[in-house]
Structures are given as C-alpha cells and as structure tokens.
Amino acid sequence: MKRALLIAAALFCAAPAHAEQSAEERFRSLPPEKQQELREKFREMKQLPPEERAGLRRNLERLESMPPAEREAAEENFRRFQQMNPEERQAMVQRWREFRKLPPEKRAELRSQLRRVLQADPAERRQLLENMRRWQQMSPQEREKVRQRFREQRKERRLEKRDQRRERRRFK
C-alpha cells in the first residue's frame, strides 16, 4: 500500500510536466476518475504517521533522482507487482523482507547471481530457472544430499588441480 502511494505520487509528479504548467494545472488536466483516485491516495497518505510519510518522501526523492532508465525499470517493476494477485504480492513482500535480513555480503552475492541469470543466453537461463524450480521442490534432506555431492565434487576438482600443478612442476 505504501509503495502504491509512493508510486502514485511519483507518477503524478513525474507526469510529462511542461515547465510552464503548474502542479494544479497538471492535476486539473487529468480525467475526473484519476483526480478522484489521487485525492483518495492523498487522504490515505495524510492519515499515515509522520515518520511513514517522511519515509515515503525519501523514497520519492530517491525515485526522482534515479537516471531515467533506472527509474523506468523501477516503475515497470512496480506495475508488474501491482498486477500480481494478493497472494503473489504477499509472497513477494515476504521474500523481500527475508532478503533485507541477510548480511550485506550475502545480498551482494545473490544480486550477482541474479545478474548472471539475467545476462545468460536464453537456453542457459532456462536451465538455471529449471534448476531453481527443482531446488525449491526438494525437501531439506534432498537439498542436503545435493549440497554434500557438490562439496565432494568440489573437493575432487581441487585435488585434481593440485595434482596437475604438481605434475607440471615435476616436469619443469
């Protein structure tokens, strides 16, 4: 809800504003139903505690200070969020809260992994997403077995590399 208020305010403020057009003129040029929607959102915002309103203002300032491409991406993400059904939105908010609780280095690692998925070629991306889906469907015990298998494979690769280095040094 708070994000909706923020985006509504941002979109209103960011409406293709002509330098000579005042906020009131931009508001008056909107269709009546849009004016009513903004009035209701404004009333809702006024009922929020001062610290929440201040947080919304800070978020709006952050949004307005973003480069145009980044801002457009944020607005598109919000539109997609708004199109989700309530259960999907709630699940997304819960995942976001869990993400925010992680240590900064873990969040950075996850962002890096996400970038890798997004930048992968389509076939690799499909495979990565399929692997993620399968991972989520596994029980904790199955996941632990897979982790253990990866640990063993990693250890074997390290040993092989170590042996290869020793062999190269021996023949030098």
Protein backbone atom coordinates (compact mmCIF):
# COMPACT_ATOMS: atom_id res chain seq x y z
CA MET A 1 0.00 0.00 0.00
CA LYS A 2 2.75 2.43 0.97
CA ARG A 3 4.60 1.67 -2.23
CA ALA A 4 1.42 2.31 -4.19
CA LEU A 5 1.13 5.72 -2.57
CA LEU A 6 4.77 6.45 -3.34
CA ILE A 7 4.49 5.44 -6.97
CA ALA A 8 1.20 7.27 -7.42
CA ALA A 9 2.78 10.42 -6.04
CA ALA A 10 5.90 9.88 -8.15
CA LEU A 11 3.94 9.28 -11.31
CA PHE A 12 1.80 12.31 -10.64
CA CYS A 13 4.89 14.44 -10.03
CA ALA A 14 6.65 12.89 -12.99
CA ALA A 15 3.76 13.35 -15.41
CA PRO A 16 5.09 14.82 -18.62
CA ALA A 17 5.40 18.16 -16.97
CA HIS A 18 5.76 21.19 -19.07
CA ALA A 19 7.96 23.78 -17.42
CA GLU A 20 5.19 26.37 -17.63
CA GLN A 21 2.45 24.05 -16.31
CA SER A 22 1.81 24.13 -12.57
CA ALA A 23 1.03 21.05 -10.48
CA GLU A 24 -2.55 22.29 -10.18
CA GLU A 25 -2.89 22.63 -13.95
CA ARG A 26 -1.49 19.12 -14.46
CA PHE A 27 -3.95 17.82 -11.86
CA ARG A 28 -6.90 19.62 -13.49
CA SER A 29 -5.94 18.18 -16.88
CA LEU A 30 -6.34 14.61 -15.58
CA PRO A 31 -9.59 12.70 -16.14
CA PRO A 32 -12.06 13.04 -13.21
CA GLU A 33 -11.61 9.41 -12.10
CA LYS A 34 -7.82 9.88 -11.96
CA GLN A 35 -8.29 13.09 -9.95
CA GLN A 36 -10.53 11.22 -7.52
CA GLU A 37 -8.03 8.37 -7.21
CA LEU A 38 -5.24 10.84 -6.41
CA ARG A 39 -7.43 12.64 -3.86
CA GLU A 40 -8.11 9.33 -2.10
CA LYS A 41 -4.42 8.40 -2.11
CA PHE A 42 -3.57 11.84 -0.76
CA ARG A 43 -6.09 11.37 2.09
CA GLU A 44 -4.62 7.95 2.84
CA MET A 45 -1.14 9.44 2.90
CA LYS A 46 -2.23 12.23 5.26
CA GLN A 47 -3.51 9.60 7.72
CA LEU A 48 -0.11 7.89 7.93
CA PRO A 49 2.14 8.60 10.92
CA PRO A 50 4.66 11.41 10.25
CA GLU A 51 7.64 9.01 10.17
CA GLU A 52 5.96 6.88 7.47
CA ARG A 53 5.16 9.98 5.41
CA ALA A 54 8.78 11.09 5.76
CA GLY A 55 9.90 7.65 4.57
CA LEU A 56 7.61 7.92 1.55
CA ARG A 57 9.04 11.36 0.76
CA ARG A 58 12.60 9.99 0.96
CA ASN A 59 11.65 7.13 -1.35
CA LEU A 60 10.04 9.56 -3.77
CA GLU A 61 13.16 11.73 -3.75
CA ARG A 62 15.26 8.63 -4.42
CA LEU A 63 12.98 7.65 -7.28
CA GLU A 64 13.10 11.15 -8.77
CA SER A 65 16.91 11.24 -8.54
CA MET A 66 17.34 7.96 -10.46
CA PRO A 67 18.63 8.04 -14.02
CA PRO A 68 15.70 7.80 -16.46
CA ALA A 69 16.38 4.18 -17.50
CA GLU A 70 16.70 3.01 -13.88
CA ARG A 71 13.60 4.93 -12.89
CA GLU A 72 11.62 3.45 -15.77
CA ALA A 73 12.73 -0.05 -14.73
CA ALA A 74 11.62 0.64 -11.13
CA GLU A 75 8.24 1.88 -12.33
CA GLU A 76 7.83 -1.14 -14.62
CA ASN A 77 8.67 -3.46 -11.71
CA PHE A 78 6.04 -1.71 -9.63
CA ARG A 79 3.43 -2.06 -12.38
CA ARG A 80 4.19 -5.79 -12.58
CA PHE A 81 3.94 -6.03 -8.78
CA GLN A 82 0.53 -4.31 -8.88
CA GLN A 83 -0.70 -6.83 -11.49
CA MET A 84 0.05 -9.79 -9.19
CA ASN A 85 -2.75 -11.33 -7.23
CA PRO A 86 -2.76 -10.61 -3.45
CA GLU A 87 -1.15 -13.97 -2.56
CA GLU A 88 1.70 -13.44 -5.02
CA ARG A 89 2.25 -9.90 -3.73
CA GLN A 90 2.31 -11.13 -0.13
CA ALA A 91 4.82 -13.85 -1.02
CA MET A 92 6.97 -11.27 -2.83
CA VAL A 93 6.88 -8.90 0.17
CA GLN A 94 7.82 -11.79 2.48
CA ARG A 95 10.77 -12.76 0.25
CA TRP A 96 11.88 -9.12 0.19
CA ARG A 97 11.79 -8.95 4.00
CA GLU A 98 13.85 -12.14 4.20
CA PHE A 99 16.32 -10.73 1.68
CA ARG A 100 16.67 -7.50 3.69
CA LYS A 101 17.52 -9.52 6.82
CA LEU A 102 20.52 -11.15 5.12
CA PRO A 103 24.03 -9.81 5.75
CA PRO A 104 25.19 -7.27 3.10
CA GLU A 105 27.74 -9.67 1.61
CA LYS A 106 25.09 -12.38 1.12
CA ARG A 107 22.73 -9.85 -0.51
CA ALA A 108 25.56 -8.78 -2.84
CA GLU A 109 26.25 -12.42 -3.71
CA LEU A 110 22.57 -13.02 -4.51
CA ARG A 111 22.42 -9.89 -6.66
CA SER A 112 25.48 -11.10 -8.54
CA GLN A 113 23.89 -14.49 -9.12
CA LEU A 114 20.69 -12.86 -10.32
CA ARG A 115 22.67 -10.70 -12.77
CA ARG A 116 24.33 -13.87 -14.05
CA VAL A 117 20.93 -15.47 -14.67
CA LEU A 118 19.55 -12.36 -16.36
CA GLN A 119 22.62 -12.00 -18.59
CA ALA A 120 22.77 -15.68 -19.55
CA ASP A 121 21.80 -16.73 -23.03
CA PRO A 122 18.17 -17.95 -23.23
CA ALA A 123 18.99 -21.69 -23.21
CA GLU A 124 21.27 -21.37 -20.19
CA ARG A 125 18.74 -19.11 -18.43
CA ARG A 126 16.00 -21.71 -18.98
CA GLN A 127 18.25 -24.40 -17.50
CA LEU A 128 19.15 -22.22 -14.50
CA LEU A 129 15.50 -21.40 -13.83
CA GLU A 130 14.57 -25.08 -14.17
CA ASN A 131 17.29 -25.99 -11.66
CA MET A 132 15.97 -23.33 -9.27
CA ARG A 133 12.44 -24.70 -9.60
CA ARG A 134 13.65 -28.23 -8.90
CA TRP A 135 15.67 -26.98 -5.90
CA GLN A 136 12.60 -25.33 -4.40
CA GLN A 137 10.62 -28.53 -4.75
CA MET A 138 13.22 -30.59 -2.88
CA SER A 139 12.85 -31.50 0.76
CA PRO A 140 15.51 -30.21 3.18
CA GLN A 141 17.03 -33.72 3.27
CA GLU A 142 17.25 -33.89 -0.54
CA ARG A 143 18.85 -30.46 -0.63
CA GLU A 144 21.45 -31.52 1.92
CA LYS A 145 22.31 -34.61 -0.17
CA VAL A 146 22.82 -32.40 -3.22
CA ARG A 147 24.96 -29.96 -1.22
CA GLN A 148 27.10 -32.84 0.03
CA ARG A 149 27.53 -34.17 -3.50
CA PHE A 150 28.63 -30.70 -4.69
CA ARG A 151 31.10 -30.45 -1.79
CA GLU A 152 32.59 -33.80 -2.73
CA GLN A 153 32.83 -32.86 -6.40
CA ARG A 154 34.46 -29.56 -5.50
CA LYS A 155 36.97 -31.33 -3.28
CA GLU A 156 37.77 -33.82 -6.08
CA ARG A 157 38.34 -30.97 -8.57
CA ARG A 158 40.66 -29.21 -6.12
CA LEU A 159 42.65 -32.39 -5.62
CA GLU A 160 42.87 -32.94 -9.38
CA LYS A 161 44.09 -29.38 -9.93
CA ARG A 162 46.63 -29.76 -7.16
CA ASP A 163 47.90 -32.99 -8.72
CA GLN A 164 48.09 -31.33 -12.14
CA ARG A 165 50.14 -28.45 -10.71
CA ARG A 166 52.49 -30.91 -9.02
CA GLU A 167 52.88 -32.81 -12.28
CA ARG A 168 53.70 -29.64 -14.20
CA ARG A 169 56.25 -28.59 -11.58
CA ARG A 170 57.82 -32.03 -11.67
CA PHE A 171 58.36 -31.84 -15.42
CA LYS A 172 59.82 -28.34 -15.42
